[in-house]
Amino acid sequence: MLHAFPESHTEIDTKTVWVDLLHPTPAELERVTQRFGLRIPLRSELEEIESSSRLRVEHGVVYLSLPVVVYGDGGDPVPAPIGFVLSPSVLITIRFSEPHAFKAVRSRCEKRGGQFGSEETFAAIIEEMVDFGADLLEKISAELAGVSKCVFRPEVGRPRRIAQSARMLRSMLRDVGNSGEHLSYIRETILGLQRIIGFTSDAAEDWLKPATQSRLKTQRHDLTSLAEFESHLSGKVQFLLDATLGFINTEQNDIFKVLTIVSVVGIPPTLIASMYGMNFHNMPEYSWSFGYEWGLGLIVLSTLVPMAWFKWRGWW
């Protein structure tokens, strides 16, 4: 799909300053190439990970690519790179998803009519992507704060049933893992944006307007603060992950401790009961009138003594 701005029409003319290609067809790529004389990179080129492929200048035109992850209707992350071809007269974007930033910039361009240029459009897209990244980090921060309250809630607020506690810990572990995964995607986008801004400011220094340079510099500072905040959240994710796993191990140890106590406490009564269950004629207790009570008393005593010893040792 091809959109040309201003006026959001599909026909490219001399007034066009931004061509937005969404899932472009070979015919659309050919139209843009013939009209502007610029080489349009394919998706395979945009997915390259080395810096020399993502950031380069050809005949005064800046070629950029950025890894972006968008979330589908089911909430699953879908990697989709974005490409920029930036020249003094036109900006060409190549994308295979619908990031929030492009919708916002299209609305701004439609409101302003033709009062914008290629570099201003590029700066606007970068600004929207930075703002959206900041919103995502704020959302993840709030989610982690909620998980932290659940992990470190007082003992009186914890479920007493083992099954309920296990379900709660599994849910928290899943939430922490999802937050960490989302942070990794945001980190990749932030680093990509930092590289793009720095490279563009240097490569296009001769023809970028001072106002655009200032906007890009501001976004560069914002990205630095976002990168620091993302590092803080990543550390918090690791801390909550360790804490959750620690609570899971503690609960497992408590279960094993109970099973150990029960098994140890049950051994002496079983030994006494099995001993008096032997059918030997010369066992004197069989002839006692209170032999049954004697056996029961030994069983009870052999149960209480280990329990008292475990209690004294502080095991329960």
C-alpha atoms as a PDB file:
ATOM      1  CA  MET A   1       0.000   0.000   0.000  1.00  0.00           C
ATOM      2  CA  LEU A   2       1.329   3.427  -0.946  1.00  0.00           C
ATOM      3  CA  HIS A   3       0.456   6.736   0.710  1.00  0.00           C
ATOM      4  CA  ALA A   4       1.906  10.025  -0.488  1.00  0.00           C
ATOM      5  CA  PHE A   5       1.875  13.209   1.583  1.00  0.00           C
ATOM      6  CA  PRO A   6       0.754  15.950   1.602  1.00  0.00           C
ATOM      7  CA  GLU A   7      -2.944  15.321   1.029  1.00  0.00           C
ATOM      8  CA  SER A   8      -2.613  11.548   1.641  1.00  0.00           C
ATOM      9  CA  HIS A   9      -3.202  10.710  -2.008  1.00  0.00           C
ATOM     10  CA  THR A  10      -1.849   7.679  -3.827  1.00  0.00           C
ATOM     11  CA  GLU A  11      -0.382   9.637  -6.735  1.00  0.00           C
ATOM     12  CA  ILE A  12       3.185  10.889  -6.487  1.00  0.00           C
ATOM     13  CA  ASP A  13       3.866  14.383  -7.800  1.00  0.00           C
ATOM     14  CA  THR A  14       6.359  17.196  -7.378  1.00  0.00           C
ATOM     15  CA  LYS A  15       4.796  18.272  -4.060  1.00  0.00           C
ATOM     16  CA  THR A  16       5.286  14.899  -2.405  1.00  0.00           C
ATOM     17  CA  VAL A  17       7.608  15.058   0.612  1.00  0.00           C
ATOM     18  CA  TRP A  18       6.726  11.733   2.273  1.00  0.00           C
ATOM     19  CA  VAL A  19       5.983   8.377   0.664  1.00  0.00           C
ATOM     20  CA  ASP A  20       4.799   5.758   3.134  1.00  0.00           C
ATOM     21  CA  LEU A  21       5.040   2.186   1.821  1.00  0.00           C
ATOM     22  CA  LEU A  22       3.136  -0.420   3.843  1.00  0.00           C
ATOM     23  CA  HIS A  23       3.716  -3.982   2.634  1.00  0.00           C
ATOM     24  CA  PRO A  24       4.819  -2.547  -0.725  1.00  0.00           C
ATOM     25  CA  THR A  25       4.270  -4.502  -3.917  1.00  0.00           C
ATOM     26  CA  PRO A  26       6.981  -4.755  -6.597  1.00  0.00           C
ATOM     27  CA  ALA A  27       4.942  -2.381  -8.781  1.00  0.00           C
ATOM     28  CA  GLU A  28       4.811   0.256  -6.023  1.00  0.00           C
ATOM     29  CA  LEU A  29       8.540  -0.059  -5.383  1.00  0.00           C
ATOM     30  CA  GLU A  30       9.170   0.410  -9.088  1.00  0.00           C
ATOM     31  CA  ARG A  31       6.958   3.548  -9.191  1.00  0.00           C
ATOM     32  CA  VAL A  32       8.810   5.170  -6.336  1.00  0.00           C
ATOM     33  CA  THR A  33      12.203   4.243  -7.745  1.00  0.00           C
ATOM     34  CA  GLN A  34      11.407   5.723 -11.158  1.00  0.00           C
ATOM     35  CA  ARG A  35       9.897   8.897  -9.719  1.00  0.00           C
ATOM     36  CA  PHE A  36      12.706   9.804  -7.287  1.00  0.00           C
ATOM     37  CA  GLY A  37      15.626   7.848  -8.699  1.00  0.00           C
ATOM     38  CA  LEU A  38      16.293   6.274  -5.320  1.00  0.00           C
ATOM     39  CA  ARG A  39      16.960   2.647  -4.552  1.00  0.00           C
ATOM     40  CA  ILE A  40      14.332   1.207  -2.206  1.00  0.00           C
ATOM     41  CA  PRO A  41      15.677  -1.533   0.091  1.00  0.00           C
ATOM     42  CA  LEU A  42      13.859  -4.852   0.298  1.00  0.00           C
ATOM     43  CA  ARG A  43      12.660  -6.437   3.527  1.00  0.00           C
ATOM     44  CA  SER A  44      15.585  -8.851   3.566  1.00  0.00           C
ATOM     45  CA  GLU A  45      17.942  -5.854   3.580  1.00  0.00           C
ATOM     46  CA  LEU A  46      16.031  -4.131   6.372  1.00  0.00           C
ATOM     47  CA  GLU A  47      16.295  -7.244   8.547  1.00  0.00           C
ATOM     48  CA  GLU A  48      20.090  -7.229   8.458  1.00  0.00           C
ATOM     49  CA  ILE A  49      21.562  -6.810  11.941  1.00  0.00           C
ATOM     50  CA  GLU A  50      25.013  -5.387  11.184  1.00  0.00           C
ATOM     51  CA  SER A  51      25.364  -1.630  11.596  1.00  0.00           C
ATOM     52  CA  SER A  52      26.851  -1.164   8.127  1.00  0.00           C
ATOM     53  CA  SER A  53      23.602  -2.446   6.624  1.00  0.00           C
ATOM     54  CA  ARG A  54      21.305  -0.499   8.917  1.00  0.00           C
ATOM     55  CA  LEU A  55      23.091   2.839   8.686  1.00  0.00           C
ATOM     56  CA  ARG A  56      24.640   4.041   5.440  1.00  0.00           C
ATOM     57  CA  VAL A  57      24.818   6.965   3.020  1.00  0.00           C
ATOM     58  CA  GLU A  58      24.597   6.605  -0.757  1.00  0.00           C
ATOM     59  CA  HIS A  59      25.084   9.687  -2.948  1.00  0.00           C
ATOM     60  CA  GLY A  60      24.002  12.020  -0.171  1.00  0.00           C
ATOM     61  CA  VAL A  61      20.880   9.986   0.685  1.00  0.00           C
ATOM     62  CA  VAL A  62      20.623   8.475   4.168  1.00  0.00           C
ATOM     63  CA  TYR A  63      19.451   4.848   4.382  1.00  0.00           C
ATOM     64  CA  LEU A  64      18.299   3.671   7.796  1.00  0.00           C
ATOM     65  CA  SER A  65      16.597   0.576   9.191  1.00  0.00           C
ATOM     66  CA  LEU A  66      15.173  -0.041  12.626  1.00  0.00           C
ATOM     67  CA  PRO A  67      14.015  -3.253  14.360  1.00  0.00           C
ATOM     68  CA  VAL A  68      10.508  -2.808  15.737  1.00  0.00           C
ATOM     69  CA  VAL A  69       8.171  -5.255  17.444  1.00  0.00           C
ATOM     70  CA  VAL A  70       4.418  -4.720  17.273  1.00  0.00           C
ATOM     71  CA  TYR A  71       1.729  -6.705  19.027  1.00  0.00           C
ATOM     72  CA  GLY A  72      -1.010  -8.428  17.089  1.00  0.00           C
ATOM     73  CA  ASP A  73      -4.639  -8.873  18.056  1.00  0.00           C
ATOM     74  CA  GLY A  74      -3.753 -11.890  20.200  1.00  0.00           C
ATOM     75  CA  GLY A  75      -1.041  -9.984  22.055  1.00  0.00           C
ATOM     76  CA  ASP A  76       1.787 -11.940  20.447  1.00  0.00           C
ATOM     77  CA  PRO A  77       4.890  -9.911  19.509  1.00  0.00           C
ATOM     78  CA  VAL A  78       5.578  -9.715  15.788  1.00  0.00           C
ATOM     79  CA  PRO A  79       9.001  -8.433  14.647  1.00  0.00           C
ATOM     80  CA  ALA A  80       8.724  -6.086  11.682  1.00  0.00           C
ATOM     81  CA  PRO A  81      11.585  -3.818  10.562  1.00  0.00           C
ATOM     82  CA  ILE A  82      11.117  -0.239   9.420  1.00  0.00           C
ATOM     83  CA  GLY A  83      13.223   1.373   6.722  1.00  0.00           C
ATOM     84  CA  PHE A  84      13.897   5.070   6.095  1.00  0.00           C
ATOM     85  CA  VAL A  85      15.249   6.640   2.932  1.00  0.00           C
ATOM     86  CA  LEU A  86      15.882  10.289   3.789  1.00  0.00           C
ATOM     87  CA  SER A  87      16.908  12.968   1.315  1.00  0.00           C
ATOM     88  CA  PRO A  88      16.550  16.773   1.390  1.00  0.00           C
ATOM     89  CA  SER A  89      13.446  16.583  -0.833  1.00  0.00           C
ATOM     90  CA  VAL A  90      11.634  13.395   0.176  1.00  0.00           C
ATOM     91  CA  LEU A  91      11.292  10.846   2.961  1.00  0.00           C
ATOM     92  CA  ILE A  92      10.426   7.270   2.016  1.00  0.00           C
ATOM     93  CA  THR A  93       9.397   4.843   4.756  1.00  0.00           C
ATOM     94  CA  ILE A  94       9.149   1.114   4.187  1.00  0.00           C
ATOM     95  CA  ARG A  95       7.333  -0.912   6.805  1.00  0.00           C
ATOM     96  CA  PHE A  96       5.473  -4.171   7.288  1.00  0.00           C
ATOM     97  CA  SER A  97       3.396  -3.336  10.350  1.00  0.00           C
ATOM     98  CA  GLU A  98       1.283  -0.485  11.728  1.00  0.00           C
ATOM     99  CA  PRO A  99       3.177   1.131  14.608  1.00  0.00           C
ATOM    100  CA  HIS A 100       1.378   3.763  16.635  1.00  0.00           C
ATOM    101  CA  ALA A 101       3.865   6.467  15.622  1.00  0.00           C
ATOM    102  CA  PHE A 102       2.916   6.407  11.941  1.00  0.00           C
ATOM    103  CA  LYS A 103      -0.782   6.846  12.645  1.00  0.00           C
ATOM    104  CA  ALA A 104      -0.057   9.878  14.807  1.00  0.00           C
ATOM    105  CA  VAL A 105       2.307  11.452  12.262  1.00  0.00           C
ATOM    106  CA  ARG A 106      -0.162  10.899   9.422  1.00  0.00           C
ATOM    107  CA  SER A 107      -2.801  12.775  11.401  1.00  0.00           C
ATOM    108  CA  ARG A 108      -0.368  15.626  12.056  1.00  0.00           C
ATOM    109  CA  CYS A 109       0.588  15.828   8.387  1.00  0.00           C
ATOM    110  CA  GLU A 110      -3.042  15.876   7.278  1.00  0.00           C
ATOM    111  CA  LYS A 111      -3.801  18.728   9.665  1.00  0.00           C
ATOM    112  CA  ARG A 112      -0.802  20.781   8.529  1.00  0.00           C
ATOM    113  CA  GLY A 113      -1.440  20.256   4.819  1.00  0.00           C
ATOM    114  CA  GLY A 114       1.752  20.872   2.860  1.00  0.00           C
ATOM    115  CA  GLN A 115       3.549  22.895   5.526  1.00  0.00           C
ATOM    116  CA  PHE A 116       6.229  20.348   6.296  1.00  0.00           C
ATOM    117  CA  GLY A 117       9.302  18.829   4.686  1.00  0.00           C
ATOM    118  CA  SER A 118      11.004  15.454   4.577  1.00  0.00           C
ATOM    119  CA  GLU A 119      13.328  16.118   7.516  1.00  0.00           C
ATOM    120  CA  GLU A 120      10.476  17.505   9.634  1.00  0.00           C
ATOM    121  CA  THR A 121       8.423  14.397   8.935  1.00  0.00           C
ATOM    122  CA  PHE A 122      11.355  12.198   9.895  1.00  0.00           C
ATOM    123  CA  ALA A 123      11.821  14.112  13.162  1.00  0.00           C
ATOM    124  CA  ALA A 124       8.102  13.822  13.895  1.00  0.00           C
ATOM    125  CA  ILE A 125       8.185  10.034  13.420  1.00  0.00           C
ATOM    126  CA  ILE A 126      11.178   9.753  15.746  1.00  0.00           C
ATOM    127  CA  GLU A 127       9.418  11.892  18.356  1.00  0.00           C
ATOM    128  CA  GLU A 128       6.289   9.754  18.251  1.00  0.00           C
ATOM    129  CA  MET A 129       8.292   6.546  18.543  1.00  0.00           C
ATOM    130  CA  VAL A 130      10.181   7.912  21.542  1.00  0.00           C
ATOM    131  CA  ASP A 131       6.918   9.019  23.197  1.00  0.00           C
ATOM    132  CA  PHE A 132       5.341   5.630  22.574  1.00  0.00           C
ATOM    133  CA  GLY A 133       8.396   3.863  23.991  1.00  0.00           C
ATOM    134  CA  ALA A 134       8.166   6.029  27.107  1.00  0.00           C
ATOM    135  CA  ASP A 135       4.482   5.107  27.495  1.00  0.00           C
ATOM    136  CA  LEU A 136       5.328   1.410  27.238  1.00  0.00           C
ATOM    137  CA  LEU A 137       8.025   1.724  29.886  1.00  0.00           C
ATOM    138  CA  GLU A 138       5.610   3.528  32.204  1.00  0.00           C
ATOM    139  CA  LYS A 139       3.059   0.751  31.700  1.00  0.00           C
ATOM    140  CA  ILE A 140       5.609  -1.955  32.442  1.00  0.00           C
ATOM    141  CA  SER A 141       6.773  -0.031  35.520  1.00  0.00           C
ATOM    142  CA  ALA A 142       3.207   0.026  36.858  1.00  0.00           C
ATOM    143  CA  GLU A 143       2.814  -3.698  36.167  1.00  0.00           C
ATOM    144  CA  LEU A 144       6.040  -4.503  37.977  1.00  0.00           C
ATOM    145  CA  ALA A 145       4.946  -2.391  40.938  1.00  0.00           C
ATOM    146  CA  GLY A 146       1.783  -4.503  41.186  1.00  0.00           C
ATOM    147  CA  VAL A 147       3.776  -7.724  40.978  1.00  0.00           C
ATOM    148  CA  SER A 148       6.160  -6.437  43.654  1.00  0.00           C
ATOM    149  CA  LYS A 149       3.260  -5.809  46.034  1.00  0.00           C
ATOM    150  CA  CYS A 150       2.009  -9.360  45.464  1.00  0.00           C
ATOM    151  CA  VAL A 151       5.445 -10.909  45.939  1.00  0.00           C
ATOM    152  CA  PHE A 152       6.231  -9.057  49.155  1.00  0.00           C
ATOM    153  CA  ARG A 153       2.762  -8.901  50.620  1.00  0.00           C
ATOM    154  CA  PRO A 154       2.510  -9.623  54.386  1.00  0.00           C
ATOM    155  CA  GLU A 155       2.043 -13.209  55.479  1.00  0.00           C
ATOM    156  CA  VAL A 156      -1.527 -12.469  56.636  1.00  0.00           C
ATOM    157  CA  GLY A 157      -2.483 -11.626  53.052  1.00  0.00           C
ATOM    158  CA  ARG A 158      -1.058 -14.759  51.482  1.00  0.00           C
ATOM    159  CA  PRO A 159      -3.234 -17.733  50.547  1.00  0.00           C
ATOM    160  CA  ARG A 160      -2.892 -20.492  53.121  1.00  0.00           C
ATOM    161  CA  ARG A 161      -3.731 -23.309  50.749  1.00  0.00           C
ATOM    162  CA  ILE A 162      -0.684 -24.685  48.974  1.00  0.00           C
ATOM    163  CA  ALA A 163      -2.507 -25.021  45.642  1.00  0.00           C
ATOM    164  CA  GLN A 164      -3.685 -21.385  45.756  1.00  0.00           C
ATOM    165  CA  SER A 165      -0.232 -20.141  46.716  1.00  0.00           C
ATOM    166  CA  ALA A 166       1.364 -22.167  43.898  1.00  0.00           C
ATOM    167  CA  ARG A 167      -1.076 -20.735  41.348  1.00  0.00           C
ATOM    168  CA  MET A 168      -0.380 -17.207  42.590  1.00  0.00           C
ATOM    169  CA  LEU A 169       3.396 -17.690  42.368  1.00  0.00           C
ATOM    170  CA  ARG A 170       3.138 -19.194  38.880  1.00  0.00           C
ATOM    171  CA  SER A 171       1.026 -16.238  37.773  1.00  0.00           C
ATOM    172  CA  MET A 172       3.557 -13.760  39.174  1.00  0.00           C
ATOM    173  CA  LEU A 173       6.403 -15.648  37.536  1.00  0.00           C
ATOM    174  CA  ARG A 174       4.578 -15.473  34.210  1.00  0.00           C
ATOM    175  CA  ASP A 175       3.936 -11.732  34.596  1.00  0.00           C
ATOM    176  CA  VAL A 176       7.563 -11.030  35.440  1.00  0.00           C
ATOM    177  CA  GLY A 177       8.715 -13.093  32.466  1.00  0.00           C
ATOM    178  CA  ASN A 178       6.383 -11.247  30.087  1.00  0.00           C
ATOM    179  CA  SER A 179       7.607  -7.899  31.378  1.00  0.00           C
ATOM    180  CA  GLY A 180      11.201  -8.953  30.829  1.00  0.00           C
ATOM    181  CA  GLU A 181      10.417 -10.058  27.287  1.00  0.00           C
ATOM    182  CA  HIS A 182       8.704  -6.762  26.473  1.00  0.00           C
ATOM    183  CA  LEU A 183      11.635  -4.835  27.933  1.00  0.00           C
ATOM    184  CA  SER A 184      14.045  -6.682  25.666  1.00  0.00           C
ATOM    185  CA  TYR A 185      12.038  -5.564  22.627  1.00  0.00           C
ATOM    186  CA  ILE A 186      11.896  -1.975  23.872  1.00  0.00           C
ATOM    187  CA  ARG A 187      15.632  -2.004  24.590  1.00  0.00           C
ATOM    188  CA  GLU A 188      16.348  -3.061  21.010  1.00  0.00           C
ATOM    189  CA  THR A 189      14.165  -0.259  19.652  1.00  0.00           C
ATOM    190  CA  ILE A 190      15.735   2.353  21.945  1.00  0.00           C
ATOM    191  CA  LEU A 191      19.250   1.370  20.919  1.00  0.00           C
ATOM    192  CA  GLY A 192      18.205   1.440  17.263  1.00  0.00           C
ATOM    193  CA  LEU A 193      16.717   4.912  17.620  1.00  0.00           C
ATOM    194  CA  GLN A 194      19.852   6.192  19.352  1.00  0.00           C
ATOM    195  CA  ARG A 195      22.013   4.939  16.506  1.00  0.00           C
ATOM    196  CA  ILE A 196      19.672   6.365  13.863  1.00  0.00           C
ATOM    197  CA  ILE A 197      19.541   9.832  15.408  1.00  0.00           C
ATOM    198  CA  GLY A 198      23.295  10.075  15.903  1.00  0.00           C
ATOM    199  CA  PHE A 199      24.058   8.803  12.421  1.00  0.00           C
ATOM    200  CA  THR A 200      21.503  11.065  10.716  1.00  0.00           C
ATOM    201  CA  SER A 201      22.675  14.158  12.579  1.00  0.00           C
ATOM    202  CA  ASP A 202      26.224  13.566  11.375  1.00  0.00           C
ATOM    203  CA  ALA A 203      25.514  12.277   7.857  1.00  0.00           C
ATOM    204  CA  ALA A 204      22.961  14.966   6.972  1.00  0.00           C
ATOM    205  CA  GLU A 205      24.563  17.807   8.891  1.00  0.00           C
ATOM    206  CA  ASP A 206      25.012  19.885   5.734  1.00  0.00           C
ATOM    207  CA  TRP A 207      21.319  20.086   4.853  1.00  0.00           C
ATOM    208  CA  LEU A 208      19.412  19.450   8.081  1.00  0.00           C
ATOM    209  CA  LYS A 209      17.818  22.622   9.395  1.00  0.00           C
ATOM    210  CA  PRO A 210      18.960  23.872  12.825  1.00  0.00           C
ATOM    211  CA  ALA A 211      15.431  23.370  14.150  1.00  0.00           C
ATOM    212  CA  THR A 212      15.454  19.731  13.036  1.00  0.00           C
ATOM    213  CA  GLN A 213      18.913  19.213  14.524  1.00  0.00           C
ATOM    214  CA  SER A 214      17.648  20.621  17.800  1.00  0.00           C
ATOM    215  CA  ARG A 215      14.611  18.300  17.770  1.00  0.00           C
ATOM    216  CA  LEU A 216      16.812  15.280  17.113  1.00  0.00           C
ATOM    217  CA  LYS A 217      19.203  16.319  19.861  1.00  0.00           C
ATOM    218  CA  THR A 218      16.300  16.580  22.304  1.00  0.00           C
ATOM    219  CA  GLN A 219      15.112  13.106  21.347  1.00  0.00           C
ATOM    220  CA  ARG A 220      18.618  11.800  21.805  1.00  0.00           C
ATOM    221  CA  HIS A 221      18.660  13.090  25.366  1.00  0.00           C
ATOM    222  CA  ASP A 222      15.210  11.576  25.971  1.00  0.00           C
ATOM    223  CA  LEU A 223      16.400   8.222  24.668  1.00  0.00           C
ATOM    224  CA  THR A 224      19.342   8.329  27.048  1.00  0.00           C
ATOM    225  CA  SER A 225      16.991   8.767  29.987  1.00  0.00           C
ATOM    226  CA  LEU A 226      14.710   6.026  28.637  1.00  0.00           C
ATOM    227  CA  ALA A 227      17.674   3.667  28.294  1.00  0.00           C
ATOM    228  CA  GLU A 228      18.598   4.319  31.928  1.00  0.00           C
ATOM    229  CA  PHE A 229      15.014   3.756  33.036  1.00  0.00           C
ATOM    230  CA  GLU A 230      14.846   0.550  30.996  1.00  0.00           C
ATOM    231  CA  SER A 231      18.031  -0.676  32.680  1.00  0.00           C
ATOM    232  CA  HIS A 232      16.455   0.060  36.053  1.00  0.00           C
ATOM    233  CA  LEU A 233      13.331  -1.910  35.092  1.00  0.00           C
ATOM    234  CA  SER A 234      15.441  -4.793  33.789  1.00  0.00           C
ATOM    235  CA  GLY A 235      17.215  -4.926  37.131  1.00  0.00           C
ATOM    236  CA  LYS A 236      13.853  -4.897  38.896  1.00  0.00           C
ATOM    237  CA  VAL A 237      12.618  -7.734  36.673  1.00  0.00           C
ATOM    238  CA  GLN A 238      15.660  -9.818  37.610  1.00  0.00           C
ATOM    239  CA  PHE A 239      15.174  -8.985  41.301  1.00  0.00           C
ATOM    240  CA  LEU A 240      11.485  -9.970  41.222  1.00  0.00           C
ATOM    241  CA  LEU A 241      12.330 -13.106  39.284  1.00  0.00           C
ATOM    242  CA  ASP A 242      14.881 -14.135  41.899  1.00  0.00           C
ATOM    243  CA  ALA A 243      12.486 -13.242  44.717  1.00  0.00           C
ATOM    244  CA  THR A 244       9.620 -15.240  43.208  1.00  0.00           C
ATOM    245  CA  LEU A 245      11.837 -18.258  42.623  1.00  0.00           C
ATOM    246  CA  GLY A 246      13.111 -17.864  46.188  1.00  0.00           C
ATOM    247  CA  PHE A 247       9.563 -17.987  47.575  1.00  0.00           C
ATOM    248  CA  ILE A 248       8.823 -21.034  45.430  1.00  0.00           C
ATOM    249  CA  ASN A 249      11.915 -22.795  46.793  1.00  0.00           C
ATOM    250  CA  THR A 250      10.954 -21.811  50.335  1.00  0.00           C
ATOM    251  CA  GLU A 251       7.474 -23.282  49.949  1.00  0.00           C
ATOM    252  CA  GLN A 252       8.932 -26.451  48.468  1.00  0.00           C
ATOM    253  CA  ASN A 253      11.334 -26.721  51.408  1.00  0.00           C
ATOM    254  CA  ASP A 254       8.429 -26.276  53.827  1.00  0.00           C
ATOM    255  CA  ILE A 255       6.548 -29.090  52.099  1.00  0.00           C
ATOM    256  CA  PHE A 256       9.568 -31.391  52.244  1.00  0.00           C
ATOM    257  CA  LYS A 257      10.092 -30.454  55.895  1.00  0.00           C
ATOM    258  CA  VAL A 258       6.512 -31.457  56.751  1.00  0.00           C
ATOM    259  CA  LEU A 259       6.867 -34.727  54.869  1.00  0.00           C
ATOM    260  CA  THR A 260      10.161 -35.430  56.657  1.00  0.00           C
ATOM    261  CA  ILE A 261       8.642 -34.753  60.088  1.00  0.00           C
ATOM    262  CA  VAL A 262       5.618 -36.933  59.330  1.00  0.00           C
ATOM    263  CA  SER A 263       7.776 -39.792  58.097  1.00  0.00           C
ATOM    264  CA  VAL A 264      10.142 -39.592  61.101  1.00  0.00           C
ATOM    265  CA  VAL A 265       7.275 -39.310  63.599  1.00  0.00           C
ATOM    266  CA  GLY A 266       5.533 -42.306  62.033  1.00  0.00           C
ATOM    267  CA  ILE A 267       8.513 -44.672  62.243  1.00  0.00           C
ATOM    268  CA  PRO A 268       8.549 -45.404  66.043  1.00  0.00           C
ATOM    269  CA  PRO A 269       4.783 -46.182  66.297  1.00  0.00           C
ATOM    270  CA  THR A 270       5.061 -48.417  63.250  1.00  0.00           C
ATOM    271  CA  LEU A 271       8.037 -50.230  64.800  1.00  0.00           C
ATOM    272  CA  ILE A 272       6.204 -50.813  68.105  1.00  0.00           C
ATOM    273  CA  ALA A 273       2.986 -51.927  66.393  1.00  0.00           C
ATOM    274  CA  SER A 274       4.881 -54.333  64.137  1.00  0.00           C
ATOM    275  CA  MET A 275       6.831 -55.722  67.092  1.00  0.00           C
ATOM    276  CA  TYR A 276       3.705 -56.549  69.087  1.00  0.00           C
ATOM    277  CA  GLY A 277       2.082 -57.919  65.984  1.00  0.00           C
ATOM    278  CA  MET A 278       4.536 -60.847  65.908  1.00  0.00           C
ATOM    279  CA  ASN A 279       2.956 -64.165  66.942  1.00  0.00           C
ATOM    280  CA  PHE A 280       5.523 -65.545  69.401  1.00  0.00           C
ATOM    281  CA  HIS A 281       4.311 -67.648  72.381  1.00  0.00           C
ATOM    282  CA  ASN A 282       6.875 -66.351  74.851  1.00  0.00           C
ATOM    283  CA  MET A 283       5.992 -62.631  74.633  1.00  0.00           C
ATOM    284  CA  PRO A 284       5.069 -61.773  78.260  1.00  0.00           C
ATOM    285  CA  GLU A 285       2.941 -58.738  77.335  1.00  0.00           C
ATOM    286  CA  TYR A 286       0.365 -61.035  75.732  1.00  0.00           C
ATOM    287  CA  SER A 287      -0.574 -62.435  79.159  1.00  0.00           C
ATOM    288  CA  TRP A 288      -0.913 -59.043  80.862  1.00  0.00           C
ATOM    289  CA  SER A 289      -4.412 -57.842  81.626  1.00  0.00           C
ATOM    290  CA  PHE A 290      -3.399 -54.301  80.624  1.00  0.00           C
ATOM    291  CA  GLY A 291      -1.159 -55.357  77.694  1.00  0.00           C
ATOM    292  CA  TYR A 292      -3.387 -53.647  75.115  1.00  0.00           C
ATOM    293  CA  GLU A 293      -3.267 -50.359  77.011  1.00  0.00           C
ATOM    294  CA  TRP A 294       0.481 -50.767  77.430  1.00  0.00           C
ATOM    295  CA  GLY A 295       0.960 -51.121  73.671  1.00  0.00           C
ATOM    296  CA  LEU A 296      -1.239 -48.110  72.894  1.00  0.00           C
ATOM    297  CA  GLY A 297       0.625 -46.033  75.458  1.00  0.00           C
ATOM    298  CA  LEU A 298       3.976 -46.900  73.907  1.00  0.00           C
ATOM    299  CA  ILE A 299       2.653 -45.955  70.464  1.00  0.00           C
ATOM    300  CA  VAL A 300       1.382 -42.593  71.703  1.00  0.00           C
ATOM    301  CA  LEU A 301       4.586 -41.908  73.626  1.00  0.00           C
ATOM    302  CA  SER A 302       6.762 -42.811  70.621  1.00  0.00           C
ATOM    303  CA  THR A 303       4.735 -40.318  68.584  1.00  0.00           C
ATOM    304  CA  LEU A 304       4.846 -37.446  71.048  1.00  0.00           C
ATOM    305  CA  VAL A 305       8.564 -37.665  71.846  1.00  0.00           C
ATOM    306  CA  PRO A 306       9.783 -36.999  68.250  1.00  0.00           C
ATOM    307  CA  MET A 307       7.183 -34.244  67.863  1.00  0.00           C
ATOM    308  CA  ALA A 308       8.361 -32.573  71.059  1.00  0.00           C
ATOM    309  CA  TRP A 309      11.967 -32.875  69.926  1.00  0.00           C
ATOM    310  CA  PHE A 310      11.185 -31.255  66.528  1.00  0.00           C
ATOM    311  CA  LYS A 311       9.271 -28.506  68.318  1.00  0.00           C
ATOM    312  CA  TRP A 312      12.219 -27.883  70.637  1.00  0.00           C
ATOM    313  CA  ARG A 313      14.539 -27.679  67.631  1.00  0.00           C
ATOM    314  CA  GLY A 314      12.224 -25.109  66.028  1.00  0.00           C
ATOM    315  CA  TRP A 315      11.364 -27.134  62.923  1.00  0.00           C
ATOM    316  CA  TRP A 316       7.659 -26.353  63.220  1.00  0.00           C
END
